Amino acid sequence: MVGARCKTCDAPLIWARFAESNKPVPLDAEPDPNGRIVFVGAGIVRVRGKNEPAPAGRSYTSHFATCPDADQHRLPGV
């Protein structure tokens, strides 16, 4: 979902789901050339391999990696 915001730091987010697990993941709204998460379809993402080149404008970073309040949002046991 584009247009969402983090409940604690108010950063703009994009919600997506991982292709293999179907688990939701919040992404920073701006593309990141160093991001490891890439879109493979509408709202569907996967983790890019370490040696795999980043597709222009399609790599993102999980908001868990950048949110100062990330621990407040993690599910128990994760």
PDB file of N, CA and C in Angstrom:
ATOM      1  N   MET A   1       0.848  -1.170   0.000  1.00  0.00           N
ATOM      2  CA  MET A   1       0.000   0.000   0.000  1.00  0.00           C
ATOM      3  C   MET A   1       0.895   1.235   0.000  1.00  0.00           C
ATOM      4  N   VAL A   2       0.799   2.023  -1.025  1.00  0.00           N
ATOM      5  CA  VAL A   2       1.536   3.272  -1.128  1.00  0.00           C
ATOM      6  C   VAL A   2       0.770   4.332  -0.359  1.00  0.00           C
ATOM      7  N   GLY A   3       1.469   5.239   0.278  1.00  0.00           N
ATOM      8  CA  GLY A   3       0.819   6.312   1.010  1.00  0.00           C
ATOM      9  C   GLY A   3       0.677   6.029   2.493  1.00  0.00           C
ATOM     10  N   ALA A   4       1.131   4.857   2.947  1.00  0.00           N
ATOM     11  CA  ALA A   4       1.096   4.550   4.372  1.00  0.00           C
ATOM     12  C   ALA A   4       2.231   5.283   5.072  1.00  0.00           C
ATOM     13  N   ARG A   5       2.126   5.397   6.387  1.00  0.00           N
ATOM     14  CA  ARG A   5       3.167   6.041   7.180  1.00  0.00           C
ATOM     15  C   ARG A   5       3.451   5.173   8.404  1.00  0.00           C
ATOM     16  N   CYS A   6       4.690   5.202   8.864  1.00  0.00           N
ATOM     17  CA  CYS A   6       5.081   4.491  10.070  1.00  0.00           C
ATOM     18  C   CYS A   6       4.340   5.102  11.263  1.00  0.00           C
ATOM     19  N   LYS A   7       3.797   4.244  12.121  1.00  0.00           N
ATOM     20  CA  LYS A   7       3.015   4.717  13.260  1.00  0.00           C
ATOM     21  C   LYS A   7       3.860   5.427  14.310  1.00  0.00           C
ATOM     22  N   THR A   8       5.169   5.171  14.343  1.00  0.00           N
ATOM     23  CA  THR A   8       5.985   5.804  15.373  1.00  0.00           C
ATOM     24  C   THR A   8       6.891   6.913  14.848  1.00  0.00           C
ATOM     25  N   CYS A   9       7.540   6.709  13.706  1.00  0.00           N
ATOM     26  CA  CYS A   9       8.462   7.757  13.212  1.00  0.00           C
ATOM     27  C   CYS A   9       7.849   8.589  12.087  1.00  0.00           C
ATOM     28  N   ASP A  10       6.656   8.211  11.619  1.00  0.00           N
ATOM     29  CA  ASP A  10       5.891   8.932  10.600  1.00  0.00           C
ATOM     30  C   ASP A  10       6.541   8.946   9.207  1.00  0.00           C
ATOM     31  N   ALA A  11       7.519   8.074   8.976  1.00  0.00           N
ATOM     32  CA  ALA A  11       8.151   8.002   7.656  1.00  0.00           C
ATOM     33  C   ALA A  11       7.175   7.414   6.638  1.00  0.00           C
ATOM     34  N   PRO A  12       7.218   7.876   5.379  1.00  0.00           N
ATOM     35  CA  PRO A  12       6.368   7.295   4.340  1.00  0.00           C
ATOM     36  C   PRO A  12       6.816   5.862   4.028  1.00  0.00           C
ATOM     37  N   LEU A  13       5.838   4.979   3.829  1.00  0.00           N
ATOM     38  CA  LEU A  13       6.109   3.560   3.603  1.00  0.00           C
ATOM     39  C   LEU A  13       5.379   3.039   2.376  1.00  0.00           C
ATOM     40  N   ILE A  14       5.887   1.927   1.894  1.00  0.00           N
ATOM     41  CA  ILE A  14       5.197   1.100   0.911  1.00  0.00           C
ATOM     42  C   ILE A  14       5.075  -0.270   1.550  1.00  0.00           C
ATOM     43  N   TRP A  15       3.879  -0.826   1.587  1.00  0.00           N
ATOM     44  CA  TRP A  15       3.697  -2.182   2.088  1.00  0.00           C
ATOM     45  C   TRP A  15       3.741  -3.154   0.913  1.00  0.00           C
ATOM     46  N   ALA A  16       4.478  -4.247   1.098  1.00  0.00           N
ATOM     47  CA  ALA A  16       4.579  -5.284   0.069  1.00  0.00           C
ATOM     48  C   ALA A  16       4.546  -6.636   0.771  1.00  0.00           C
ATOM     49  N   ARG A  17       4.579  -7.710  -0.029  1.00  0.00           N
ATOM     50  CA  ARG A  17       4.619  -9.072   0.513  1.00  0.00           C
ATOM     51  C   ARG A  17       5.751  -9.827  -0.177  1.00  0.00           C
ATOM     52  N   PHE A  18       6.439 -10.635   0.625  1.00  0.00           N
ATOM     53  CA  PHE A  18       7.496 -11.463   0.057  1.00  0.00           C
ATOM     54  C   PHE A  18       6.885 -12.562  -0.809  1.00  0.00           C
ATOM     55  N   ALA A  19       7.475 -12.803  -1.968  1.00  0.00           N
ATOM     56  CA  ALA A  19       6.963 -13.776  -2.933  1.00  0.00           C
ATOM     57  C   ALA A  19       6.900 -15.182  -2.338  1.00  0.00           C
ATOM     58  N   GLU A  20       7.936 -15.607  -1.637  1.00  0.00           N
ATOM     59  CA  GLU A  20       7.991 -16.990  -1.163  1.00  0.00           C
ATOM     60  C   GLU A  20       7.129 -17.237   0.072  1.00  0.00           C
ATOM     61  N   SER A  21       7.133 -16.299   1.017  1.00  0.00           N
ATOM     62  CA  SER A  21       6.443 -16.543   2.285  1.00  0.00           C
ATOM     63  C   SER A  21       5.087 -15.857   2.398  1.00  0.00           C
ATOM     64  N   ASN A  22       4.833 -14.896   1.525  1.00  0.00           N
ATOM     65  CA  ASN A  22       3.626 -14.084   1.555  1.00  0.00           C
ATOM     66  C   ASN A  22       3.546 -13.203   2.810  1.00  0.00           C
ATOM     67  N   LYS A  23       4.664 -13.060   3.537  1.00  0.00           N
ATOM     68  CA  LYS A  23       4.693 -12.216   4.731  1.00  0.00           C
ATOM     69  C   LYS A  23       4.775 -10.752   4.324  1.00  0.00           C
ATOM     70  N   PRO A  24       4.056  -9.876   5.047  1.00  0.00           N
ATOM     71  CA  PRO A  24       4.107  -8.450   4.737  1.00  0.00           C
ATOM     72  C   PRO A  24       5.426  -7.837   5.197  1.00  0.00           C
ATOM     73  N   VAL A  25       5.861  -6.819   4.476  1.00  0.00           N
ATOM     74  CA  VAL A  25       7.081  -6.093   4.837  1.00  0.00           C
ATOM     75  C   VAL A  25       6.884  -4.608   4.526  1.00  0.00           C
ATOM     76  N   PRO A  26       7.207  -3.739   5.501  1.00  0.00           N
ATOM     77  CA  PRO A  26       7.162  -2.303   5.235  1.00  0.00           C
ATOM     78  C   PRO A  26       8.487  -1.878   4.595  1.00  0.00           C
ATOM     79  N   LEU A  27       8.397  -1.124   3.520  1.00  0.00           N
ATOM     80  CA  LEU A  27       9.587  -0.641   2.825  1.00  0.00           C
ATOM     81  C   LEU A  27       9.645   0.875   2.912  1.00  0.00           C
ATOM     82  N   ASP A  28      10.876   1.420   2.993  1.00  0.00           N
ATOM     83  CA  ASP A  28      11.018   2.865   2.872  1.00  0.00           C
ATOM     84  C   ASP A  28      10.471   3.252   1.502  1.00  0.00           C
ATOM     85  N   ALA A  29       9.752   4.357   1.444  1.00  0.00           N
ATOM     86  CA  ALA A  29       9.030   4.730   0.220  1.00  0.00           C
ATOM     87  C   ALA A  29       9.933   5.089  -0.956  1.00  0.00           C
ATOM     88  N   GLU A  30      11.133   5.571  -0.687  1.00  0.00           N
ATOM     89  CA  GLU A  30      12.031   5.968  -1.771  1.00  0.00           C
ATOM     90  C   GLU A  30      12.904   4.796  -2.207  1.00  0.00           C
ATOM     91  N   PRO A  31      13.067   4.598  -3.511  1.00  0.00           N
ATOM     92  CA  PRO A  31      13.993   3.558  -3.983  1.00  0.00           C
ATOM     93  C   PRO A  31      15.399   3.815  -3.437  1.00  0.00           C
ATOM     94  N   ASP A  32      16.133   2.733  -3.206  1.00  0.00           N
ATOM     95  CA  ASP A  32      17.491   2.815  -2.674  1.00  0.00           C
ATOM     96  C   ASP A  32      18.390   1.961  -3.561  1.00  0.00           C
ATOM     97  N   PRO A  33      19.365   2.570  -4.245  1.00  0.00           N
ATOM     98  CA  PRO A  33      20.224   1.781  -5.137  1.00  0.00           C
ATOM     99  C   PRO A  33      20.998   0.689  -4.400  1.00  0.00           C
ATOM    100  N   ASN A  34      21.138   0.831  -3.077  1.00  0.00           N
ATOM    101  CA  ASN A  34      21.813  -0.197  -2.277  1.00  0.00           C
ATOM    102  C   ASN A  34      20.823  -1.135  -1.593  1.00  0.00           C
ATOM    103  N   GLY A  35      19.541  -0.928  -1.813  1.00  0.00           N
ATOM    104  CA  GLY A  35      18.514  -1.758  -1.185  1.00  0.00           C
ATOM    105  C   GLY A  35      18.568  -3.183  -1.680  1.00  0.00           C
ATOM    106  N   ARG A  36      18.227  -4.113  -0.806  1.00  0.00           N
ATOM    107  CA  ARG A  36      18.297  -5.529  -1.159  1.00  0.00           C
ATOM    108  C   ARG A  36      16.943  -6.113  -1.512  1.00  0.00           C
ATOM    109  N   ILE A  37      15.885  -5.324  -1.396  1.00  0.00           N
ATOM    110  CA  ILE A  37      14.548  -5.831  -1.691  1.00  0.00           C
ATOM    111  C   ILE A  37      14.088  -5.277  -3.030  1.00  0.00           C
ATOM    112  N   VAL A  38      13.666  -6.162  -3.929  1.00  0.00           N
ATOM    113  CA  VAL A  38      13.257  -5.739  -5.266  1.00  0.00           C
ATOM    114  C   VAL A  38      11.841  -6.226  -5.572  1.00  0.00           C
ATOM    115  N   PHE A  39      11.123  -5.411  -6.308  1.00  0.00           N
ATOM    116  CA  PHE A  39       9.774  -5.777  -6.729  1.00  0.00           C
ATOM    117  C   PHE A  39       9.851  -6.740  -7.905  1.00  0.00           C
ATOM    118  N   VAL A  40       9.017  -7.782  -7.845  1.00  0.00           N
ATOM    119  CA  VAL A  40       8.931  -8.761  -8.935  1.00  0.00           C
ATOM    120  C   VAL A  40       7.536  -8.784  -9.536  1.00  0.00           C
ATOM    121  N   GLY A  41       6.621  -8.051  -8.938  1.00  0.00           N
ATOM    122  CA  GLY A  41       5.245  -7.956  -9.405  1.00  0.00           C
ATOM    123  C   GLY A  41       4.542  -6.883  -8.609  1.00  0.00           C
ATOM    124  N   ALA A  42       3.254  -6.749  -8.826  1.00  0.00           N
ATOM    125  CA  ALA A  42       2.475  -5.728  -8.123  1.00  0.00           C
ATOM    126  C   ALA A  42       2.392  -6.065  -6.637  1.00  0.00           C
ATOM    127  N   GLY A  43       3.139  -5.331  -5.819  1.00  0.00           N
ATOM    128  CA  GLY A  43       3.127  -5.537  -4.375  1.00  0.00           C
ATOM    129  C   GLY A  43       3.886  -6.757  -3.894  1.00  0.00           C
ATOM    130  N   ILE A  44       4.602  -7.433  -4.795  1.00  0.00           N
ATOM    131  CA  ILE A  44       5.343  -8.647  -4.455  1.00  0.00           C
ATOM    132  C   ILE A  44       6.835  -8.369  -4.585  1.00  0.00           C
ATOM    133  N   VAL A  45       7.598  -8.768  -3.541  1.00  0.00           N
ATOM    134  CA  VAL A  45       9.036  -8.503  -3.513  1.00  0.00           C
ATOM    135  C   VAL A  45       9.814  -9.774  -3.190  1.00  0.00           C
ATOM    136  N   ARG A  46      11.102  -9.692  -3.416  1.00  0.00           N
ATOM    137  CA  ARG A  46      12.035 -10.748  -3.024  1.00  0.00           C
ATOM    138  C   ARG A  46      13.338 -10.077  -2.606  1.00  0.00           C
ATOM    139  N   VAL A  47      14.193 -10.839  -1.929  1.00  0.00           N
ATOM    140  CA  VAL A  47      15.500 -10.320  -1.533  1.00  0.00           C
ATOM    141  C   VAL A  47      16.473 -10.560  -2.677  1.00  0.00           C
ATOM    142  N   ARG A  48      17.184  -9.519  -3.045  1.00  0.00           N
ATOM    143  CA  ARG A  48      18.179  -9.569  -4.124  1.00  0.00           C
ATOM    144  C   ARG A  48      19.452 -10.209  -3.592  1.00  0.00           C
ATOM    145  N   GLY A  49      20.066 -11.065  -4.399  1.00  0.00           N
ATOM    146  CA  GLY A  49      21.324 -11.691  -4.025  1.00  0.00           C
ATOM    147  C   GLY A  49      22.440 -10.664  -3.866  1.00  0.00           C
ATOM    148  N   LYS A  50      23.434 -10.977  -3.031  1.00  0.00           N
ATOM    149  CA  LYS A  50      24.524 -10.029  -2.748  1.00  0.00           C
ATOM    150  C   LYS A  50      25.279  -9.599  -4.003  1.00  0.00           C
ATOM    151  N   ASN A  51      25.466 -10.503  -4.941  1.00  0.00           N
ATOM    152  CA  ASN A  51      26.215 -10.175  -6.161  1.00  0.00           C
ATOM    153  C   ASN A  51      25.306  -9.836  -7.338  1.00  0.00           C
ATOM    154  N   GLU A  52      24.019  -9.826  -7.105  1.00  0.00           N
ATOM    155  CA  GLU A  52      23.050  -9.506  -8.153  1.00  0.00           C
ATOM    156  C   GLU A  52      22.945  -7.993  -8.310  1.00  0.00           C
ATOM    157  N   PRO A  53      23.061  -7.475  -9.529  1.00  0.00           N
ATOM    158  CA  PRO A  53      22.950  -6.025  -9.708  1.00  0.00           C
ATOM    159  C   PRO A  53      21.552  -5.521  -9.348  1.00  0.00           C
ATOM    160  N   ALA A  54      21.520  -4.327  -8.815  1.00  0.00           N
ATOM    161  CA  ALA A  54      20.235  -3.720  -8.436  1.00  0.00           C
ATOM    162  C   ALA A  54      19.529  -3.189  -9.669  1.00  0.00           C
ATOM    163  N   PRO A  55      18.263  -3.556  -9.869  1.00  0.00           N
ATOM    164  CA  PRO A  55      17.520  -2.991 -10.993  1.00  0.00           C
ATOM    165  C   PRO A  55      17.233  -1.510 -10.729  1.00  0.00           C
ATOM    166  N   ALA A  56      17.458  -0.677 -11.702  1.00  0.00           N
ATOM    167  CA  ALA A  56      17.297   0.775 -11.547  1.00  0.00           C
ATOM    168  C   ALA A  56      15.897   1.136 -11.063  1.00  0.00           C
ATOM    169  N   GLY A  57      15.839   1.844  -9.928  1.00  0.00           N
ATOM    170  CA  GLY A  57      14.575   2.335  -9.413  1.00  0.00           C
ATOM    171  C   GLY A  57      13.660   1.296  -8.822  1.00  0.00           C
ATOM    172  N   ARG A  58      14.146   0.056  -8.667  1.00  0.00           N
ATOM    173  CA  ARG A  58      13.268  -1.007  -8.156  1.00  0.00           C
ATOM    174  C   ARG A  58      13.824  -1.679  -6.913  1.00  0.00           C
ATOM    175  N   SER A  59      14.905  -1.147  -6.339  1.00  0.00           N
ATOM    176  CA  SER A  59      15.469  -1.701  -5.112  1.00  0.00           C
ATOM    177  C   SER A  59      15.046  -0.833  -3.936  1.00  0.00           C
ATOM    178  N   TYR A  60      14.670  -1.477  -2.858  1.00  0.00           N
ATOM    179  CA  TYR A  60      14.183  -0.771  -1.674  1.00  0.00           C
ATOM    180  C   TYR A  60      14.834  -1.341  -0.425  1.00  0.00           C
ATOM    181  N   THR A  61      14.691  -0.613   0.671  1.00  0.00           N
ATOM    182  CA  THR A  61      15.193  -1.046   1.969  1.00  0.00           C
ATOM    183  C   THR A  61      14.007  -1.285   2.894  1.00  0.00           C
ATOM    184  N   SER A  62      14.077  -2.366   3.658  1.00  0.00           N
ATOM    185  CA  SER A  62      13.048  -2.632   4.654  1.00  0.00           C
ATOM    186  C   SER A  62      13.054  -1.500   5.676  1.00  0.00           C
ATOM    187  N   HIS A  63      11.868  -1.051   6.060  1.00  0.00           N
ATOM    188  CA  HIS A  63      11.794   0.027   7.044  1.00  0.00           C
ATOM    189  C   HIS A  63      12.290  -0.447   8.410  1.00  0.00           C
ATOM    190  N   PHE A  64      12.298  -1.755   8.652  1.00  0.00           N
ATOM    191  CA  PHE A  64      12.862  -2.272   9.902  1.00  0.00           C
ATOM    192  C   PHE A  64      14.341  -1.923  10.024  1.00  0.00           C
ATOM    193  N   ALA A  65      15.030  -1.760   8.909  1.00  0.00           N
ATOM    194  CA  ALA A  65      16.459  -1.431   8.931  1.00  0.00           C
ATOM    195  C   ALA A  65      16.715   0.045   9.196  1.00  0.00           C
ATOM    196  N   THR A  66      15.731   0.900   8.987  1.00  0.00           N
ATOM    197  CA  THR A  66      15.965   2.340   9.118  1.00  0.00           C
ATOM    198  C   THR A  66      15.134   3.013  10.202  1.00  0.00           C
ATOM    199  N   CYS A  67      14.098   2.374  10.682  1.00  0.00           N
ATOM    200  CA  CYS A  67      13.206   2.986  11.678  1.00  0.00           C
ATOM    201  C   CYS A  67      13.885   3.022  13.048  1.00  0.00           C
ATOM    202  N   PRO A  68      13.933   4.186  13.685  1.00  0.00           N
ATOM    203  CA  PRO A  68      14.528   4.250  15.017  1.00  0.00           C
ATOM    204  C   PRO A  68      13.698   3.495  16.058  1.00  0.00           C
ATOM    205  N   ASP A  69      12.457   3.183  15.738  1.00  0.00           N
ATOM    206  CA  ASP A  69      11.562   2.497  16.662  1.00  0.00           C
ATOM    207  C   ASP A  69      11.225   1.079  16.208  1.00  0.00           C
ATOM    208  N   ALA A  70      12.064   0.479  15.394  1.00  0.00           N
ATOM    209  CA  ALA A  70      11.765  -0.825  14.782  1.00  0.00           C
ATOM    210  C   ALA A  70      11.425  -1.903  15.800  1.00  0.00           C
ATOM    211  N   ASP A  71      12.098  -1.912  16.940  1.00  0.00           N
ATOM    212  CA  ASP A  71      11.846  -2.962  17.927  1.00  0.00           C
ATOM    213  C   ASP A  71      10.418  -2.936  18.457  1.00  0.00           C
ATOM    214  N   GLN A  72       9.779  -1.790  18.427  1.00  0.00           N
ATOM    215  CA  GLN A  72       8.398  -1.686  18.886  1.00  0.00           C
ATOM    216  C   GLN A  72       7.415  -2.374  17.927  1.00  0.00           C
ATOM    217  N   HIS A  73       7.855  -2.596  16.690  1.00  0.00           N
ATOM    218  CA  HIS A  73       6.962  -3.145  15.664  1.00  0.00           C
ATOM    219  C   HIS A  73       7.183  -4.622  15.386  1.00  0.00           C
ATOM    220  N   ARG A  74       8.262  -5.186  15.905  1.00  0.00           N
ATOM    221  CA  ARG A  74       8.561  -6.592  15.626  1.00  0.00           C
ATOM    222  C   ARG A  74       7.576  -7.506  16.348  1.00  0.00           C
ATOM    223  N   LEU A  75       7.232  -8.579  15.667  1.00  0.00           N
ATOM    224  CA  LEU A  75       6.350  -9.581  16.269  1.00  0.00           C
ATOM    225  C   LEU A  75       7.142 -10.379  17.315  1.00  0.00           C
ATOM    226  N   PRO A  76       6.503 -10.853  18.364  1.00  0.00           N
ATOM    227  CA  PRO A  76       7.209 -11.657  19.361  1.00  0.00           C
ATOM    228  C   PRO A  76       7.874 -12.870  18.720  1.00  0.00           C
ATOM    229  N   GLY A  77       9.106 -13.136  19.138  1.00  0.00           N
ATOM    230  CA  GLY A  77       9.834 -14.281  18.622  1.00  0.00           C
ATOM    231  C   GLY A  77      10.533 -14.046  17.293  1.00  0.00           C
ATOM    232  N   VAL A  78      10.465 -12.822  16.779  1.00  0.00           N
ATOM    233  CA  VAL A  78      11.110 -12.525  15.490  1.00  0.00           C
ATOM    234  C   VAL A  78      12.357 -11.730  15.719  1.00  0.00           C
TER     235      VAL A  78
END
